[in-house]
Amino acid sequence: MQLYGIRRRSWWKNAEELEAGGARSKEVGDEDGSGVRWIRSYVVQEEDGTLGTYCVYEAESPEALRAHAEKSGFGADEINVVVDTVIIRPDPVAESVAS
């Protein structure tokens, strides 16, 4: 399996659509023989107000990623091989608020 970065531009109108798309993506990726494993995504607000993502996946091939995206109901505008990871600091984690 190879690590890939995927850019999806303006695929979701709002957080509810994004959440539904994420659930479909996880379900499709978890199917036996899918050839993909979703690692994480970063959600970005596009200039037109829609939501896009930068996603990291492990996959057998770019074709497996395209098939996964199509079956999940959205596209993959760019697919790039990840050649290295540089971590300066870990991703920030929201602090939980004690009640």
C-alpha atoms as a PDB file:
ATOM      1  CA  MET A   1       0.000   0.000   0.000  1.00  0.00           C
ATOM      2  CA  GLN A   2       1.189   3.491  -0.907  1.00  0.00           C
ATOM      3  CA  LEU A   3       0.352   6.729   0.918  1.00  0.00           C
ATOM      4  CA  TYR A   4      -1.573   9.313  -1.157  1.00  0.00           C
ATOM      5  CA  GLY A   5      -2.838  12.856  -0.691  1.00  0.00           C
ATOM      6  CA  ILE A   6      -6.161  13.727  -2.301  1.00  0.00           C
ATOM      7  CA  ARG A   7      -7.579  17.207  -2.886  1.00  0.00           C
ATOM      8  CA  ARG A   8     -11.332  17.539  -3.203  1.00  0.00           C
ATOM      9  CA  ARG A   9     -12.536  21.040  -4.068  1.00  0.00           C
ATOM     10  CA  SER A  10     -16.024  22.361  -3.300  1.00  0.00           C
ATOM     11  CA  TRP A  11     -17.720  18.971  -2.963  1.00  0.00           C
ATOM     12  CA  TRP A  12     -19.965  19.808  -0.008  1.00  0.00           C
ATOM     13  CA  LYS A  13     -22.338  22.715   0.622  1.00  0.00           C
ATOM     14  CA  ASN A  14     -22.263  22.387   4.408  1.00  0.00           C
ATOM     15  CA  ALA A  15     -21.084  20.324   7.383  1.00  0.00           C
ATOM     16  CA  GLU A  16     -24.085  17.966   7.190  1.00  0.00           C
ATOM     17  CA  GLU A  17     -23.275  16.997   3.587  1.00  0.00           C
ATOM     18  CA  LEU A  18     -19.621  16.547   4.528  1.00  0.00           C
ATOM     19  CA  GLU A  19     -20.525  14.319   7.475  1.00  0.00           C
ATOM     20  CA  ALA A  20     -22.763  12.135   5.283  1.00  0.00           C
ATOM     21  CA  GLY A  21     -20.017  11.902   2.649  1.00  0.00           C
ATOM     22  CA  GLY A  22     -17.468  10.944   5.294  1.00  0.00           C
ATOM     23  CA  ALA A  23     -19.732   8.177   6.585  1.00  0.00           C
ATOM     24  CA  ARG A  24     -20.161   6.804   3.034  1.00  0.00           C
ATOM     25  CA  SER A  25     -16.408   7.011   2.425  1.00  0.00           C
ATOM     26  CA  LYS A  26     -15.604   5.094   5.603  1.00  0.00           C
ATOM     27  CA  GLU A  27     -18.211   2.449   4.806  1.00  0.00           C
ATOM     28  CA  VAL A  28     -16.904   1.965   1.255  1.00  0.00           C
ATOM     29  CA  GLY A  29     -13.271   1.907   2.405  1.00  0.00           C
ATOM     30  CA  ASP A  30     -14.021  -0.658   5.104  1.00  0.00           C
ATOM     31  CA  GLU A  31     -15.448  -3.135   2.550  1.00  0.00           C
ATOM     32  CA  ASP A  32     -13.279  -6.200   1.958  1.00  0.00           C
ATOM     33  CA  GLY A  33     -11.146  -5.758  -1.147  1.00  0.00           C
ATOM     34  CA  SER A  34     -11.630  -1.976  -1.402  1.00  0.00           C
ATOM     35  CA  GLY A  35      -7.869  -1.450  -1.660  1.00  0.00           C
ATOM     36  CA  VAL A  36      -8.024   1.789   0.352  1.00  0.00           C
ATOM     37  CA  ARG A  37      -7.689   2.864   3.965  1.00  0.00           C
ATOM     38  CA  TRP A  38      -8.703   6.389   4.995  1.00  0.00           C
ATOM     39  CA  ILE A  39      -6.186   7.915   7.407  1.00  0.00           C
ATOM     40  CA  ARG A  40      -7.383  11.515   7.964  1.00  0.00           C
ATOM     41  CA  SER A  41      -8.821  14.601   6.321  1.00  0.00           C
ATOM     42  CA  TYR A  42      -8.478  18.325   6.747  1.00  0.00           C
ATOM     43  CA  VAL A  43     -11.614  20.313   5.894  1.00  0.00           C
ATOM     44  CA  VAL A  44     -11.165  23.704   4.241  1.00  0.00           C
ATOM     45  CA  GLN A  45     -13.612  26.445   3.392  1.00  0.00           C
ATOM     46  CA  GLU A  46     -13.423  27.312  -0.286  1.00  0.00           C
ATOM     47  CA  GLU A  47     -13.673  30.870  -1.622  1.00  0.00           C
ATOM     48  CA  ASP A  48     -17.299  30.277  -2.668  1.00  0.00           C
ATOM     49  CA  GLY A  49     -18.276  29.137   0.848  1.00  0.00           C
ATOM     50  CA  THR A  50     -18.435  25.421   0.064  1.00  0.00           C
ATOM     51  CA  LEU A  51     -16.268  22.848   1.813  1.00  0.00           C
ATOM     52  CA  GLY A  52     -13.322  21.002   0.366  1.00  0.00           C
ATOM     53  CA  THR A  53     -10.830  18.560   1.826  1.00  0.00           C
ATOM     54  CA  TYR A  54      -7.228  17.463   1.822  1.00  0.00           C
ATOM     55  CA  CYS A  55      -7.309  13.734   2.578  1.00  0.00           C
ATOM     56  CA  VAL A  56      -4.624  11.175   3.339  1.00  0.00           C
ATOM     57  CA  TYR A  57      -5.215   7.575   2.318  1.00  0.00           C
ATOM     58  CA  GLU A  58      -3.271   4.363   2.012  1.00  0.00           C
ATOM     59  CA  ALA A  59      -4.202   2.645  -1.229  1.00  0.00           C
ATOM     60  CA  GLU A  60      -3.171  -0.034  -3.664  1.00  0.00           C
ATOM     61  CA  SER A  61      -3.236   2.438  -6.568  1.00  0.00           C
ATOM     62  CA  PRO A  62      -4.661   5.750  -7.807  1.00  0.00           C
ATOM     63  CA  GLU A  63      -7.290   3.697  -9.648  1.00  0.00           C
ATOM     64  CA  ALA A  64      -8.436   2.152  -6.344  1.00  0.00           C
ATOM     65  CA  LEU A  65      -8.773   5.684  -4.932  1.00  0.00           C
ATOM     66  CA  ARG A  66     -10.796   6.870  -7.940  1.00  0.00           C
ATOM     67  CA  ALA A  67     -13.084   3.822  -7.658  1.00  0.00           C
ATOM     68  CA  HIS A  68     -13.508   4.497  -3.930  1.00  0.00           C
ATOM     69  CA  ALA A  69     -14.374   8.157  -4.569  1.00  0.00           C
ATOM     70  CA  GLU A  70     -16.892   7.296  -7.284  1.00  0.00           C
ATOM     71  CA  LYS A  71     -18.580   4.641  -5.152  1.00  0.00           C
ATOM     72  CA  SER A  72     -18.681   7.121  -2.237  1.00  0.00           C
ATOM     73  CA  GLY A  73     -20.440   9.708  -4.403  1.00  0.00           C
ATOM     74  CA  PHE A  74     -17.749  12.337  -4.902  1.00  0.00           C
ATOM     75  CA  GLY A  75     -14.593  12.955  -6.870  1.00  0.00           C
ATOM     76  CA  ALA A  76     -10.882  13.168  -6.323  1.00  0.00           C
ATOM     77  CA  ASP A  77      -9.677  16.328  -8.059  1.00  0.00           C
ATOM     78  CA  GLU A  78      -5.984  15.600  -7.472  1.00  0.00           C
ATOM     79  CA  ILE A  79      -4.243  12.427  -6.340  1.00  0.00           C
ATOM     80  CA  ASN A  80      -0.579  12.673  -5.368  1.00  0.00           C
ATOM     81  CA  VAL A  81       1.877  10.120  -4.009  1.00  0.00           C
ATOM     82  CA  VAL A  82       3.132  11.100  -0.551  1.00  0.00           C
ATOM     83  CA  VAL A  83       6.909  10.699  -0.578  1.00  0.00           C
ATOM     84  CA  ASP A  84       7.677  11.852   2.960  1.00  0.00           C
ATOM     85  CA  THR A  85       6.100  13.203   6.141  1.00  0.00           C
ATOM     86  CA  VAL A  86       7.481  16.201   7.981  1.00  0.00           C
ATOM     87  CA  ILE A  87       5.907  16.804  11.386  1.00  0.00           C
ATOM     88  CA  ILE A  88       6.954  19.965  13.153  1.00  0.00           C
ATOM     89  CA  ARG A  89       4.199  19.748  15.772  1.00  0.00           C
ATOM     90  CA  PRO A  90       1.335  17.309  16.219  1.00  0.00           C
ATOM     91  CA  ASP A  91      -2.105  18.371  15.020  1.00  0.00           C
ATOM     92  CA  PRO A  92      -3.802  20.536  17.624  1.00  0.00           C
ATOM     93  CA  VAL A  93      -6.437  18.708  19.629  1.00  0.00           C
ATOM     94  CA  ALA A  94      -9.453  20.544  20.978  1.00  0.00           C
ATOM     95  CA  GLU A  95      -9.370  20.583  24.752  1.00  0.00           C
ATOM     96  CA  SER A  96     -12.394  19.008  26.373  1.00  0.00           C
ATOM     97  CA  VAL A  97     -14.397  21.198  28.683  1.00  0.00           C
ATOM     98  CA  ALA A  98     -15.168  19.653  32.066  1.00  0.00           C
ATOM     99  CA  SER A  99     -18.717  20.184  33.246  1.00  0.00           C
END
